[in-house]
Amino acid sequence: MPKIKSLFDRRKERNRYRLSQTSTGRPRLSIYRSGKHIYAQVIDDAQAVTLAVASTNEKEGKAAKTYNVEAAAGVGKKIAERAIAKGVKEVVFDRGGYMYHGRVKALADAAREGGLEF
């Protein structure tokens, strides 16, 4: 009997398929959002290498609350400056199965302000 996929998994697959069709060799800015933290990483899928990582779970610069929009914006700024330091300026945004609002949108907007193009 086939496994029934959740709505989250279906959105995630649909988003990844669209990214693979339009990525044009750019690295992928992938995010993961948990209840307490948000994580972001820039991945080069051609070489299967992670280029830059940032999260609210890091020891330096940790905010008082790690689960709000301000903390997510801080992660967006960190990932942008770390990716630019590695020579990456253009990425595709992989929101996974998450809706584009709240913490996800704050992270994306802060990464754009930090200099990443997507």
N, C-alpha and C. Protein backbone atom coordinates (compact mmCIF):
# COMPACT_ATOMS: atom_id res chain seq x y z
N MET A 1 0.84 -1.17 0.00
CA MET A 1 0.00 0.00 0.00
C MET A 1 0.89 1.25 0.00
N PRO A 2 0.65 2.21 -0.88
CA PRO A 2 1.52 3.40 -0.96
C PRO A 2 1.34 4.29 0.27
N LYS A 3 2.44 4.93 0.63
CA LYS A 3 2.42 5.84 1.78
C LYS A 3 1.69 7.12 1.39
N ILE A 4 0.83 7.58 2.26
CA ILE A 4 0.10 8.83 2.02
C ILE A 4 0.99 9.98 2.46
N LYS A 5 1.21 10.94 1.56
CA LYS A 5 2.07 12.08 1.86
C LYS A 5 1.25 13.21 2.47
N SER A 6 1.88 13.90 3.40
CA SER A 6 1.21 15.03 4.03
C SER A 6 1.20 16.22 3.08
N LEU A 7 0.38 17.20 3.39
CA LEU A 7 0.33 18.42 2.59
C LEU A 7 1.70 19.10 2.59
N PHE A 8 2.39 19.07 3.74
CA PHE A 8 3.72 19.66 3.83
C PHE A 8 4.68 19.00 2.86
N ASP A 9 4.68 17.67 2.82
CA ASP A 9 5.57 16.95 1.92
C ASP A 9 5.25 17.23 0.46
N ARG A 10 3.97 17.34 0.14
CA ARG A 10 3.58 17.65 -1.25
C ARG A 10 4.01 19.05 -1.65
N ARG A 11 3.84 20.04 -0.75
CA ARG A 11 4.31 21.40 -1.04
C ARG A 11 5.81 21.42 -1.21
N LYS A 12 6.53 20.68 -0.37
CA LYS A 12 7.99 20.62 -0.42
C LYS A 12 8.46 20.04 -1.77
N GLU A 13 7.86 18.93 -2.18
CA GLU A 13 8.24 18.33 -3.47
C GLU A 13 7.92 19.25 -4.64
N ARG A 14 6.77 19.89 -4.59
CA ARG A 14 6.37 20.80 -5.66
C ARG A 14 7.34 21.98 -5.75
N ASN A 15 7.73 22.53 -4.59
CA ASN A 15 8.66 23.64 -4.56
C ASN A 15 10.03 23.22 -5.09
N ARG A 16 10.54 22.06 -4.67
CA ARG A 16 11.85 21.59 -5.12
C ARG A 16 11.85 21.32 -6.62
N TYR A 17 10.73 20.79 -7.15
CA TYR A 17 10.65 20.54 -8.58
C TYR A 17 10.75 21.85 -9.35
N ARG A 18 10.01 22.86 -8.91
CA ARG A 18 10.06 24.16 -9.59
C ARG A 18 11.44 24.78 -9.50
N LEU A 19 12.11 24.63 -8.37
CA LEU A 19 13.47 25.15 -8.23
C LEU A 19 14.43 24.45 -9.18
N SER A 20 14.28 23.14 -9.32
CA SER A 20 15.19 22.40 -10.20
C SER A 20 14.99 22.80 -11.66
N GLN A 21 13.80 23.24 -12.02
CA GLN A 21 13.53 23.64 -13.40
C GLN A 21 14.07 25.02 -13.72
N THR A 22 14.21 25.88 -12.71
CA THR A 22 14.57 27.27 -12.97
C THR A 22 15.86 27.72 -12.29
N SER A 23 16.60 26.81 -11.66
CA SER A 23 17.72 27.23 -10.82
C SER A 23 18.91 27.76 -11.62
N THR A 24 19.15 27.30 -12.82
CA THR A 24 20.25 27.74 -13.69
C THR A 24 21.61 27.71 -12.99
N GLY A 25 21.87 26.67 -12.23
CA GLY A 25 23.17 26.48 -11.62
C GLY A 25 23.46 27.33 -10.39
N ARG A 26 22.48 28.00 -9.86
CA ARG A 26 22.69 28.81 -8.65
C ARG A 26 22.65 27.90 -7.42
N PRO A 27 23.38 28.29 -6.36
CA PRO A 27 23.23 27.56 -5.10
C PRO A 27 21.84 27.79 -4.52
N ARG A 28 21.46 26.92 -3.60
CA ARG A 28 20.12 26.95 -3.03
C ARG A 28 20.20 27.43 -1.59
N LEU A 29 19.38 28.42 -1.24
CA LEU A 29 19.25 28.88 0.15
C LEU A 29 18.08 28.12 0.76
N SER A 30 18.40 27.11 1.54
CA SER A 30 17.39 26.23 2.12
C SER A 30 17.17 26.59 3.58
N ILE A 31 15.92 26.54 4.01
CA ILE A 31 15.63 26.86 5.41
C ILE A 31 14.91 25.70 6.08
N TYR A 32 15.06 25.66 7.39
CA TYR A 32 14.32 24.72 8.23
C TYR A 32 13.81 25.51 9.43
N ARG A 33 12.53 25.38 9.70
CA ARG A 33 11.90 26.13 10.78
C ARG A 33 11.36 25.14 11.80
N SER A 34 11.86 25.22 13.02
CA SER A 34 11.31 24.39 14.09
C SER A 34 10.50 25.30 15.01
N GLY A 35 10.00 24.76 16.09
CA GLY A 35 9.22 25.55 17.01
C GLY A 35 10.05 26.61 17.72
N LYS A 36 11.30 26.29 18.02
CA LYS A 36 12.15 27.21 18.79
C LYS A 36 13.19 27.92 17.95
N HIS A 37 13.60 27.36 16.83
CA HIS A 37 14.73 27.91 16.07
C HIS A 37 14.41 27.95 14.57
N ILE A 38 15.26 28.69 13.86
CA ILE A 38 15.20 28.69 12.39
C ILE A 38 16.63 28.55 11.89
N TYR A 39 16.82 27.73 10.88
CA TYR A 39 18.13 27.41 10.35
C TYR A 39 18.14 27.74 8.86
N ALA A 40 19.29 28.19 8.36
CA ALA A 40 19.42 28.48 6.93
C ALA A 40 20.78 27.98 6.47
N GLN A 41 20.82 27.44 5.25
CA GLN A 41 22.09 27.03 4.68
C GLN A 41 22.08 27.24 3.18
N VAL A 42 23.25 27.58 2.66
CA VAL A 42 23.43 27.74 1.22
C VAL A 42 24.11 26.48 0.72
N ILE A 43 23.46 25.79 -0.21
CA ILE A 43 23.92 24.49 -0.68
C ILE A 43 24.21 24.55 -2.17
N ASP A 44 25.36 24.05 -2.57
CA ASP A 44 25.69 23.89 -3.98
C ASP A 44 25.33 22.46 -4.36
N ASP A 45 24.20 22.27 -5.05
CA ASP A 45 23.72 20.94 -5.37
C ASP A 45 24.58 20.24 -6.42
N ALA A 46 25.26 20.99 -7.27
CA ALA A 46 26.10 20.38 -8.30
C ALA A 46 27.26 19.62 -7.67
N GLN A 47 27.85 20.18 -6.62
CA GLN A 47 28.98 19.54 -5.95
C GLN A 47 28.58 18.87 -4.64
N ALA A 48 27.32 19.00 -4.24
CA ALA A 48 26.79 18.44 -2.99
C ALA A 48 27.60 18.94 -1.79
N VAL A 49 27.74 20.27 -1.71
CA VAL A 49 28.53 20.90 -0.65
C VAL A 49 27.71 22.02 -0.01
N THR A 50 27.78 22.11 1.31
CA THR A 50 27.17 23.23 2.01
C THR A 50 28.18 24.36 2.08
N LEU A 51 27.82 25.54 1.59
CA LEU A 51 28.74 26.66 1.51
C LEU A 51 28.69 27.56 2.74
N ALA A 52 27.51 27.78 3.30
CA ALA A 52 27.36 28.68 4.45
C ALA A 52 26.18 28.22 5.30
N VAL A 53 26.30 28.44 6.61
CA VAL A 53 25.26 28.02 7.55
C VAL A 53 25.03 29.13 8.56
N ALA A 54 23.78 29.34 8.96
CA ALA A 54 23.44 30.27 10.03
C ALA A 54 22.17 29.78 10.71
N SER A 55 22.05 30.05 12.01
CA SER A 55 20.86 29.65 12.73
C SER A 55 20.71 30.48 14.00
N THR A 56 19.54 30.37 14.61
CA THR A 56 19.32 31.04 15.89
C THR A 56 19.89 30.20 17.03
N ASN A 57 20.39 29.03 16.74
CA ASN A 57 20.92 28.12 17.75
C ASN A 57 22.43 28.27 17.94
N GLU A 58 23.02 29.32 17.38
CA GLU A 58 24.46 29.54 17.51
C GLU A 58 24.76 30.24 18.84
N LYS A 59 25.96 30.02 19.36
CA LYS A 59 26.31 30.61 20.65
C LYS A 59 26.55 32.11 20.54
N GLU A 60 27.28 32.56 19.51
CA GLU A 60 27.55 34.00 19.41
C GLU A 60 26.36 34.73 18.80
N GLY A 61 26.04 35.85 19.38
CA GLY A 61 24.97 36.69 18.86
C GLY A 61 23.58 36.10 19.02
N LYS A 62 23.39 35.27 20.03
CA LYS A 62 22.09 34.63 20.22
C LYS A 62 21.10 35.62 20.81
N ALA A 63 19.93 35.71 20.22
CA ALA A 63 18.90 36.64 20.69
C ALA A 63 18.21 36.06 21.93
N ALA A 64 17.53 36.92 22.66
CA ALA A 64 16.82 36.48 23.85
C ALA A 64 15.71 35.49 23.48
N LYS A 65 14.96 35.81 22.45
CA LYS A 65 13.95 34.89 21.93
C LYS A 65 14.41 34.43 20.55
N THR A 66 14.44 33.13 20.35
CA THR A 66 14.95 32.59 19.09
C THR A 66 13.84 32.18 18.14
N TYR A 67 12.60 32.41 18.50
CA TYR A 67 11.48 31.92 17.70
C TYR A 67 10.59 33.04 17.17
N ASN A 68 11.12 34.27 17.09
CA ASN A 68 10.28 35.36 16.59
C ASN A 68 10.84 35.91 15.28
N VAL A 69 10.15 36.88 14.71
CA VAL A 69 10.49 37.44 13.41
C VAL A 69 11.84 38.16 13.46
N GLU A 70 12.13 38.84 14.55
CA GLU A 70 13.40 39.57 14.67
C GLU A 70 14.58 38.61 14.65
N ALA A 71 14.46 37.47 15.33
CA ALA A 71 15.53 36.47 15.33
C ALA A 71 15.73 35.90 13.94
N ALA A 72 14.63 35.66 13.21
CA ALA A 72 14.73 35.14 11.85
C ALA A 72 15.41 36.15 10.93
N ALA A 73 15.12 37.43 11.13
CA ALA A 73 15.79 38.46 10.32
C ALA A 73 17.28 38.49 10.61
N GLY A 74 17.66 38.26 11.85
CA GLY A 74 19.08 38.19 12.20
C GLY A 74 19.78 37.04 11.50
N VAL A 75 19.10 35.91 11.38
CA VAL A 75 19.66 34.76 10.67
C VAL A 75 19.79 35.09 9.18
N GLY A 76 18.83 35.82 8.63
CA GLY A 76 18.92 36.22 7.22
C GLY A 76 20.13 37.09 6.95
N LYS A 77 20.41 38.02 7.85
CA LYS A 77 21.58 38.88 7.69
C LYS A 77 22.88 38.09 7.81
N LYS A 78 22.91 37.15 8.79
CA LYS A 78 24.11 36.32 8.97
C LYS A 78 24.39 35.46 7.76
N ILE A 79 23.35 34.82 7.22
CA ILE A 79 23.56 33.92 6.08
C ILE A 79 23.99 34.72 4.86
N ALA A 80 23.48 35.93 4.71
CA ALA A 80 23.87 36.76 3.57
C ALA A 80 25.34 37.14 3.65
N GLU A 81 25.79 37.58 4.81
CA GLU A 81 27.19 37.99 4.91
C GLU A 81 28.14 36.81 4.81
N ARG A 82 27.74 35.65 5.32
CA ARG A 82 28.60 34.46 5.21
C ARG A 82 28.65 33.93 3.78
N ALA A 83 27.53 33.99 3.06
CA ALA A 83 27.52 33.54 1.67
C ALA A 83 28.33 34.48 0.79
N ILE A 84 28.22 35.78 1.01
CA ILE A 84 28.98 36.75 0.22
C ILE A 84 30.47 36.59 0.51
N ALA A 85 30.83 36.27 1.74
CA ALA A 85 32.23 36.03 2.08
C ALA A 85 32.79 34.82 1.32
N LYS A 86 31.92 33.85 1.00
CA LYS A 86 32.33 32.68 0.22
C LYS A 86 32.25 32.93 -1.29
N GLY A 87 31.80 34.12 -1.69
CA GLY A 87 31.74 34.46 -3.10
C GLY A 87 30.41 34.14 -3.77
N VAL A 88 29.37 33.92 -3.00
CA VAL A 88 28.05 33.61 -3.54
C VAL A 88 27.18 34.85 -3.41
N LYS A 89 26.68 35.37 -4.54
CA LYS A 89 25.81 36.53 -4.51
C LYS A 89 24.40 36.20 -4.99
N GLU A 90 24.26 35.18 -5.83
CA GLU A 90 22.95 34.82 -6.38
C GLU A 90 22.58 33.41 -5.91
N VAL A 91 21.37 33.28 -5.37
CA VAL A 91 20.87 32.00 -4.90
C VAL A 91 19.42 31.84 -5.34
N VAL A 92 18.90 30.62 -5.19
CA VAL A 92 17.46 30.39 -5.32
C VAL A 92 16.95 30.08 -3.92
N PHE A 93 15.79 30.60 -3.58
CA PHE A 93 15.25 30.46 -2.24
C PHE A 93 14.39 29.22 -2.15
N ASP A 94 14.82 28.27 -1.32
CA ASP A 94 14.08 27.03 -1.11
C ASP A 94 13.38 27.13 0.25
N ARG A 95 12.10 27.46 0.21
CA ARG A 95 11.35 27.61 1.45
C ARG A 95 10.85 26.27 1.96
N GLY A 96 11.15 25.20 1.26
CA GLY A 96 10.67 23.88 1.67
C GLY A 96 9.17 23.82 1.54
N GLY A 97 8.50 23.31 2.52
CA GLY A 97 7.05 23.25 2.51
C GLY A 97 6.42 24.35 3.32
N TYR A 98 7.23 25.31 3.77
CA TYR A 98 6.72 26.37 4.62
C TYR A 98 6.06 27.47 3.81
N MET A 99 5.03 28.05 4.37
CA MET A 99 4.35 29.18 3.74
C MET A 99 5.27 30.38 3.77
N TYR A 100 5.18 31.24 2.76
CA TYR A 100 6.07 32.41 2.68
C TYR A 100 5.43 33.57 3.42
N HIS A 101 5.52 33.54 4.74
CA HIS A 101 5.10 34.66 5.58
C HIS A 101 5.70 34.46 6.95
N GLY A 102 5.65 35.48 7.78
CA GLY A 102 6.17 35.38 9.13
C GLY A 102 7.68 35.26 9.16
N ARG A 103 8.18 34.25 9.86
CA ARG A 103 9.62 34.08 10.03
C ARG A 103 10.33 33.77 8.71
N VAL A 104 9.68 33.02 7.84
CA VAL A 104 10.28 32.68 6.56
C VAL A 104 10.46 33.94 5.71
N LYS A 105 9.45 34.76 5.66
CA LYS A 105 9.52 36.01 4.89
C LYS A 105 10.54 36.97 5.49
N ALA A 106 10.60 37.04 6.82
CA ALA A 106 11.57 37.92 7.48
C ALA A 106 13.00 37.50 7.16
N LEU A 107 13.26 36.19 7.16
CA LEU A 107 14.59 35.70 6.82
C LEU A 107 14.94 36.05 5.37
N ALA A 108 14.00 35.83 4.46
CA ALA A 108 14.26 36.12 3.05
C ALA A 108 14.49 37.60 2.81
N ASP A 109 13.69 38.46 3.42
CA ASP A 109 13.86 39.90 3.24
C ASP A 109 15.19 40.38 3.80
N ALA A 110 15.59 39.85 4.95
CA ALA A 110 16.87 40.25 5.55
C ALA A 110 18.04 39.77 4.70
N ALA A 111 17.91 38.59 4.10
CA ALA A 111 18.99 38.09 3.22
C ALA A 111 19.10 38.96 1.98
N ARG A 112 17.97 39.42 1.46
CA ARG A 112 18.01 40.34 0.31
C ARG A 112 18.67 41.65 0.69
N GLU A 113 18.32 42.19 1.86
CA GLU A 113 18.93 43.44 2.32
C GLU A 113 20.42 43.25 2.56
N GLY A 114 20.83 42.04 2.95
CA GLY A 114 22.23 41.74 3.19
C GLY A 114 23.06 41.61 1.93
N GLY A 115 22.40 41.55 0.75
CA GLY A 115 23.14 41.53 -0.50
C GLY A 115 22.91 40.31 -1.37
N LEU A 116 22.15 39.32 -0.90
CA LEU A 116 21.88 38.16 -1.74
C LEU A 116 20.78 38.49 -2.74
N GLU A 117 20.91 37.94 -3.94
CA GLU A 117 19.91 38.14 -4.98
C GLU A 117 19.19 36.83 -5.24
N PHE A 118 17.84 36.88 -5.17
CA PHE A 118 17.01 35.73 -5.54
C PHE A 118 15.63 36.18 -5.88
